[in-house]
Amino acid sequence: MEPAIQQLPESTHTLVVSYMGLRRAIGEIGLLLPIVLGPVGRLAFGIEIQDNMSSYYHTPLRDVFVGSMCAIGVFLYCYRGYDWIESWTGKVGCTSALGVALCPLDPGSDPLSQRSVLGYLHTLSGGAFFLTLAFYSLYHFPSTQAGKHEVAPHESQRNFVYRASGVVILLSMAAMGGYLFLLPAGPKRLLNDFNFLFWMEWVAVWAFAAAWLTKGRAILADIALDLLALPVELLRRHEAVEDVGRRVRSLFHLDPPGSQGPAGASLEGPAAEEP
């Protein structure tokens, strides 16, 4: 754990650790859910990859899907931000997550062509859920306002992860929207054979998981940030060593004749006057 957090008073320290744990829990559920539904469901239970994650409601993995979405919804409800906007974002995210969990998609149906009110509520809730997660990544997490700023290592890399996650979620939604609204029947059937919606949802869910794990300062996320920041750190150290070397050479006049000092002036001294 970071020294800055360890130095907090015990009561504050406990609250901060709990808050970080809440963030990590949301990210961990998002990280594991597609794996459990897809590869684990196929290998352990013989369940074919479904057209989309919502279709797992009608498989033996229904409890996993519903339970995960309910847990995310409850965690988002309990998550209190720095201002009323972030608090209401959590409430909208909670409502949409519970809508996805408790209003099942009609079996074997296109998300835009439902036979029940619950099916349409599921589709609307799914769109609102992904938009909420993108809003967290793009607006709340990288905020540099004084009241929201959280001191953390590699802040520029963290902000990059947040914004990249939000962009990936929006691009995934755009791809799914193009698939549902714009593609003719032929290409749509072809992509459906490869479970296009399921893989796009996987990408979006992992993008939001990356943002929440980074915000929660999970160990794996911190290791990834260290690796992401490594080239920048090496470049800074190289520049610092070169700067020290220039100063030492300038101080002891070790530069070869005619070389330029830090200020661009020759270190040879004044030129000798011609006779």
Protein backbone atom coordinates (compact mmCIF):
# COMPACT_ATOMS: atom_id res chain seq x y z
CA MET A 1 0.00 0.00 0.00
CA GLU A 2 1.17 3.52 -0.77
CA PRO A 3 2.96 5.43 2.03
CA ALA A 4 0.63 8.41 1.57
CA ILE A 5 -2.35 6.22 2.48
CA GLN A 6 -0.54 4.47 5.33
CA GLN A 7 0.25 7.82 6.96
CA LEU A 8 -3.41 8.79 7.25
CA PRO A 9 -5.16 8.67 10.66
CA GLU A 10 -6.48 5.20 11.42
CA SER A 11 -10.16 6.09 10.93
CA THR A 12 -9.49 7.86 7.64
CA HIS A 13 -7.11 5.11 6.56
CA THR A 14 -9.85 2.49 7.04
CA LEU A 15 -12.35 4.50 4.99
CA VAL A 16 -9.88 5.05 2.15
CA VAL A 17 -8.95 1.37 2.03
CA SER A 18 -12.64 0.41 1.95
CA TYR A 19 -13.28 2.91 -0.85
CA MET A 20 -10.38 1.54 -2.86
CA GLY A 21 -11.69 -1.97 -2.25
CA LEU A 22 -15.09 -0.97 -3.64
CA ARG A 23 -13.46 0.30 -6.81
CA ARG A 24 -11.40 -2.86 -7.17
CA ALA A 25 -14.46 -5.06 -6.63
CA ILE A 26 -16.30 -3.38 -9.51
CA GLY A 27 -13.26 -3.78 -11.75
CA GLU A 28 -12.69 -7.42 -10.76
CA ILE A 29 -16.27 -8.38 -11.57
CA GLY A 30 -15.94 -6.75 -14.98
CA LEU A 31 -12.65 -8.52 -15.57
CA LEU A 32 -13.92 -12.00 -14.67
CA LEU A 33 -17.49 -11.92 -15.99
CA PRO A 34 -16.73 -12.36 -19.75
CA ILE A 35 -14.21 -15.11 -18.98
CA VAL A 36 -16.66 -17.08 -16.84
CA LEU A 37 -19.52 -16.69 -19.31
CA GLY A 38 -17.50 -17.40 -22.46
CA PRO A 39 -14.48 -19.73 -22.20
CA VAL A 40 -15.32 -21.24 -18.79
CA GLY A 41 -18.95 -21.75 -19.77
CA ARG A 42 -17.91 -23.55 -22.94
CA LEU A 43 -15.16 -25.70 -21.43
CA ALA A 44 -16.75 -26.51 -18.06
CA PHE A 45 -20.47 -26.60 -18.91
CA GLY A 46 -20.54 -27.17 -22.67
CA ILE A 47 -22.43 -23.92 -23.29
CA GLU A 48 -21.86 -22.48 -26.75
CA ILE A 49 -20.74 -18.85 -27.03
CA GLN A 50 -23.97 -16.85 -27.08
CA ASP A 51 -24.92 -14.03 -29.45
CA ASN A 52 -24.44 -11.56 -26.59
CA MET A 53 -23.82 -11.65 -22.86
CA SER A 54 -27.47 -11.01 -22.09
CA SER A 55 -28.41 -14.29 -23.76
CA TYR A 56 -26.66 -16.16 -20.94
CA TYR A 57 -29.76 -15.40 -18.90
CA HIS A 58 -31.35 -18.36 -20.70
CA THR A 59 -28.48 -20.77 -19.95
CA PRO A 60 -27.29 -22.56 -16.79
CA LEU A 61 -25.00 -19.55 -16.21
CA ARG A 62 -27.98 -17.26 -15.61
CA ASP A 63 -27.20 -16.89 -11.91
CA VAL A 64 -23.62 -15.84 -12.68
CA PHE A 65 -24.78 -13.15 -15.09
CA VAL A 66 -27.63 -11.84 -12.93
CA GLY A 67 -25.59 -11.99 -9.73
CA SER A 68 -22.65 -10.13 -11.28
CA MET A 69 -24.84 -7.35 -12.67
CA CYS A 70 -26.70 -7.00 -9.35
CA ALA A 71 -23.38 -6.80 -7.49
CA ILE A 72 -22.11 -4.08 -9.82
CA GLY A 73 -25.39 -2.22 -9.38
CA VAL A 74 -25.21 -2.36 -5.58
CA PHE A 75 -21.56 -1.30 -5.59
CA LEU A 76 -22.34 1.67 -7.85
CA TYR A 77 -25.20 2.68 -5.55
CA CYS A 78 -22.84 2.59 -2.56
CA TYR A 79 -20.15 4.50 -4.47
CA ARG A 80 -20.22 8.15 -3.44
CA GLY A 81 -18.30 10.60 -5.56
CA TYR A 82 -16.86 14.03 -4.91
CA ASP A 83 -19.96 15.96 -6.00
CA TRP A 84 -23.63 15.48 -6.76
CA ILE A 85 -22.91 14.72 -10.43
CA GLU A 86 -20.73 11.74 -9.58
CA SER A 87 -23.21 10.53 -6.95
CA TRP A 88 -26.06 10.65 -9.46
CA THR A 89 -23.88 8.92 -12.05
CA GLY A 90 -23.56 6.04 -9.60
CA LYS A 91 -27.33 5.93 -9.09
CA VAL A 92 -27.96 5.89 -12.86
CA GLY A 93 -25.36 3.15 -13.22
CA CYS A 94 -27.01 1.17 -10.42
CA THR A 95 -30.47 1.48 -11.99
CA SER A 96 -29.23 0.47 -15.44
CA ALA A 97 -27.21 -2.49 -14.09
CA LEU A 98 -30.24 -3.77 -12.18
CA GLY A 99 -32.34 -3.25 -15.30
CA VAL A 100 -29.96 -5.44 -17.28
CA ALA A 101 -30.04 -8.10 -14.55
CA LEU A 102 -33.76 -8.17 -13.76
CA CYS A 103 -35.30 -7.45 -17.18
CA PRO A 104 -34.16 -10.36 -19.36
CA LEU A 105 -33.71 -10.16 -23.09
CA ASP A 106 -36.22 -12.29 -25.01
CA PRO A 107 -34.62 -15.66 -25.88
CA GLY A 108 -33.18 -15.98 -29.38
CA SER A 109 -34.04 -12.39 -30.29
CA ASP A 110 -32.37 -9.34 -31.77
CA PRO A 111 -31.85 -6.65 -29.09
CA LEU A 112 -33.85 -4.22 -31.25
CA SER A 113 -36.72 -6.62 -31.95
CA GLN A 114 -38.18 -7.72 -28.64
CA ARG A 115 -41.48 -9.38 -27.96
CA SER A 116 -41.94 -7.99 -24.46
CA VAL A 117 -41.66 -4.76 -22.54
CA LEU A 118 -39.01 -6.35 -20.33
CA GLY A 119 -36.91 -7.08 -23.39
CA TYR A 120 -36.96 -3.44 -24.50
CA LEU A 121 -36.20 -2.31 -20.96
CA HIS A 122 -33.18 -4.61 -21.02
CA THR A 123 -31.91 -3.07 -24.26
CA LEU A 124 -32.35 0.48 -22.94
CA SER A 125 -30.70 -0.44 -19.65
CA GLY A 126 -27.71 -1.96 -21.43
CA GLY A 127 -27.11 1.18 -23.46
CA ALA A 128 -27.44 3.40 -20.39
CA PHE A 129 -25.08 1.13 -18.43
CA PHE A 130 -22.26 1.38 -20.97
CA LEU A 131 -22.75 5.15 -21.34
CA THR A 132 -22.51 5.54 -17.57
CA LEU A 133 -19.25 3.60 -17.47
CA ALA A 134 -17.83 5.68 -20.31
CA PHE A 135 -18.83 8.85 -18.44
CA TYR A 136 -16.92 7.67 -15.37
CA SER A 137 -13.80 7.00 -17.44
CA LEU A 138 -13.88 10.20 -19.47
CA TYR A 139 -15.20 12.73 -16.96
CA HIS A 140 -14.97 11.63 -13.33
CA PHE A 141 -11.78 9.58 -13.09
CA PRO A 142 -9.25 11.86 -14.86
CA SER A 143 -10.61 15.04 -13.25
CA THR A 144 -7.90 17.55 -12.37
CA GLN A 145 -10.15 19.81 -10.31
CA ALA A 146 -8.69 20.63 -6.91
CA GLY A 147 -11.59 19.05 -5.05
CA LYS A 148 -11.36 15.79 -7.03
CA HIS A 149 -7.63 15.42 -7.48
CA GLU A 150 -6.14 12.26 -5.99
CA VAL A 151 -2.36 12.12 -5.62
CA ALA A 152 -1.14 8.86 -7.16
CA PRO A 153 2.00 7.58 -8.89
CA HIS A 154 2.16 7.97 -12.68
CA GLU A 155 -0.78 10.37 -12.86
CA SER A 156 -0.36 11.09 -16.59
CA GLN A 157 -0.38 7.35 -17.37
CA ARG A 158 -3.44 6.85 -15.17
CA ASN A 159 -5.30 9.60 -17.00
CA PHE A 160 -4.32 7.99 -20.29
CA VAL A 161 -5.80 4.66 -19.14
CA TYR A 162 -9.03 6.35 -18.01
CA ARG A 163 -9.53 8.25 -21.25
CA ALA A 164 -8.50 5.31 -23.42
CA SER A 165 -10.99 3.10 -21.57
CA GLY A 166 -13.79 5.59 -22.14
CA VAL A 167 -12.96 5.89 -25.83
CA VAL A 168 -12.85 2.10 -26.22
CA ILE A 169 -16.27 1.77 -24.59
CA LEU A 170 -17.74 4.39 -26.93
CA LEU A 171 -16.11 2.81 -29.99
CA SER A 172 -17.47 -0.58 -28.99
CA MET A 173 -20.93 0.92 -28.61
CA ALA A 174 -20.59 2.58 -32.02
CA ALA A 175 -19.60 -0.77 -33.55
CA MET A 176 -22.59 -2.49 -31.93
CA GLY A 177 -24.89 0.33 -33.03
CA GLY A 178 -23.65 0.07 -36.60
CA TYR A 179 -24.19 -3.68 -36.50
CA LEU A 180 -27.74 -3.35 -35.16
CA PHE A 181 -28.96 -0.30 -37.08
CA LEU A 182 -26.99 -0.06 -40.32
CA LEU A 183 -25.89 -3.50 -41.55
CA PRO A 184 -28.04 -5.27 -44.14
CA ALA A 185 -29.35 -8.72 -43.31
CA GLY A 186 -26.61 -10.66 -45.15
CA PRO A 187 -23.52 -9.14 -43.48
CA LYS A 188 -25.39 -9.06 -40.19
CA ARG A 189 -25.99 -12.82 -40.31
CA LEU A 190 -22.32 -13.35 -41.17
CA LEU A 191 -21.12 -11.35 -38.16
CA ASN A 192 -23.72 -13.00 -35.97
CA ASP A 193 -22.19 -16.38 -36.84
CA PHE A 194 -19.02 -15.11 -35.15
CA ASN A 195 -20.90 -13.76 -32.10
CA PHE A 196 -20.00 -10.16 -32.96
CA LEU A 197 -22.05 -8.58 -30.17
CA PHE A 198 -20.58 -10.86 -27.52
CA TRP A 199 -16.99 -9.93 -28.43
CA MET A 200 -17.77 -6.21 -28.62
CA GLU A 201 -19.41 -6.38 -25.20
CA TRP A 202 -16.34 -8.23 -23.90
CA VAL A 203 -14.09 -5.41 -25.15
CA ALA A 204 -16.30 -2.74 -23.56
CA VAL A 205 -16.55 -4.61 -20.22
CA TRP A 206 -12.79 -5.12 -20.04
CA ALA A 207 -12.24 -1.44 -20.85
CA PHE A 208 -14.39 -0.38 -17.91
CA ALA A 209 -12.68 -3.00 -15.72
CA ALA A 210 -9.28 -1.52 -16.59
CA ALA A 211 -10.43 1.96 -15.56
CA TRP A 212 -11.88 0.82 -12.22
CA LEU A 213 -8.90 -1.39 -11.34
CA THR A 214 -6.58 1.51 -12.10
CA LYS A 215 -8.70 3.88 -10.00
CA GLY A 216 -8.71 1.30 -7.19
CA ARG A 217 -4.91 0.93 -7.45
CA ALA A 218 -5.05 -2.83 -7.85
CA ILE A 219 -1.67 -4.55 -7.84
CA LEU A 220 -1.87 -5.75 -11.45
CA ALA A 221 -3.01 -2.32 -12.62
CA ASP A 222 -0.11 -0.65 -10.78
CA ILE A 223 2.37 -3.08 -12.36
CA ALA A 224 0.93 -2.29 -15.80
CA LEU A 225 1.26 1.44 -15.08
CA ASP A 226 4.89 0.97 -14.00
CA LEU A 227 5.60 -0.73 -17.33
CA LEU A 228 3.69 1.96 -19.22
CA ALA A 229 5.69 4.69 -17.50
CA LEU A 230 9.06 2.90 -17.89
CA PRO A 231 10.07 4.46 -21.24
CA VAL A 232 9.32 7.96 -19.93
CA GLU A 233 11.27 7.32 -16.71
CA LEU A 234 14.28 5.97 -18.63
CA LEU A 235 14.25 8.99 -20.94
CA ARG A 236 14.11 11.38 -17.99
CA ARG A 237 17.00 9.62 -16.26
CA HIS A 238 19.05 9.68 -19.44
CA GLU A 239 18.43 13.40 -19.87
CA ALA A 240 19.29 14.02 -16.19
CA VAL A 241 22.59 12.11 -16.51
CA GLU A 242 23.49 14.03 -19.65
CA ASP A 243 22.69 17.32 -17.94
CA VAL A 244 24.89 16.45 -14.95
CA GLY A 245 27.68 15.43 -17.29
CA ARG A 246 27.49 18.75 -19.15
CA ARG A 247 27.62 20.68 -15.89
CA VAL A 248 30.65 18.71 -14.63
CA ARG A 249 32.53 19.18 -17.88
CA SER A 250 31.70 22.88 -17.87
CA LEU A 251 32.78 23.27 -14.24
CA PHE A 252 36.18 21.64 -14.77
CA HIS A 253 36.65 22.87 -18.35
CA LEU A 254 36.77 19.32 -19.62
CA ASP A 255 34.96 20.02 -22.87
CA PRO A 256 37.14 19.70 -25.99
CA PRO A 257 38.23 22.95 -27.62
CA GLY A 258 35.52 24.64 -29.62
CA SER A 259 32.65 22.76 -27.89
CA GLN A 260 29.58 24.61 -26.71
CA GLY A 261 28.62 24.90 -23.04
CA PRO A 262 25.09 24.72 -21.70
CA ALA A 263 24.38 28.30 -22.69
CA GLY A 264 25.76 27.78 -26.18
CA ALA A 265 28.95 29.78 -25.45
CA SER A 266 32.39 28.54 -26.42
CA LEU A 267 34.46 27.19 -23.52
CA GLU A 268 37.80 28.07 -25.07
CA GLY A 269 37.85 31.52 -23.52
CA PRO A 270 38.39 34.76 -25.40
CA ALA A 271 40.00 34.44 -28.78
CA ALA A 272 43.64 35.48 -28.98
CA GLU A 273 44.22 38.82 -30.66
CA GLU A 274 45.94 38.76 -34.01
CA PRO A 275 49.34 40.46 -34.09
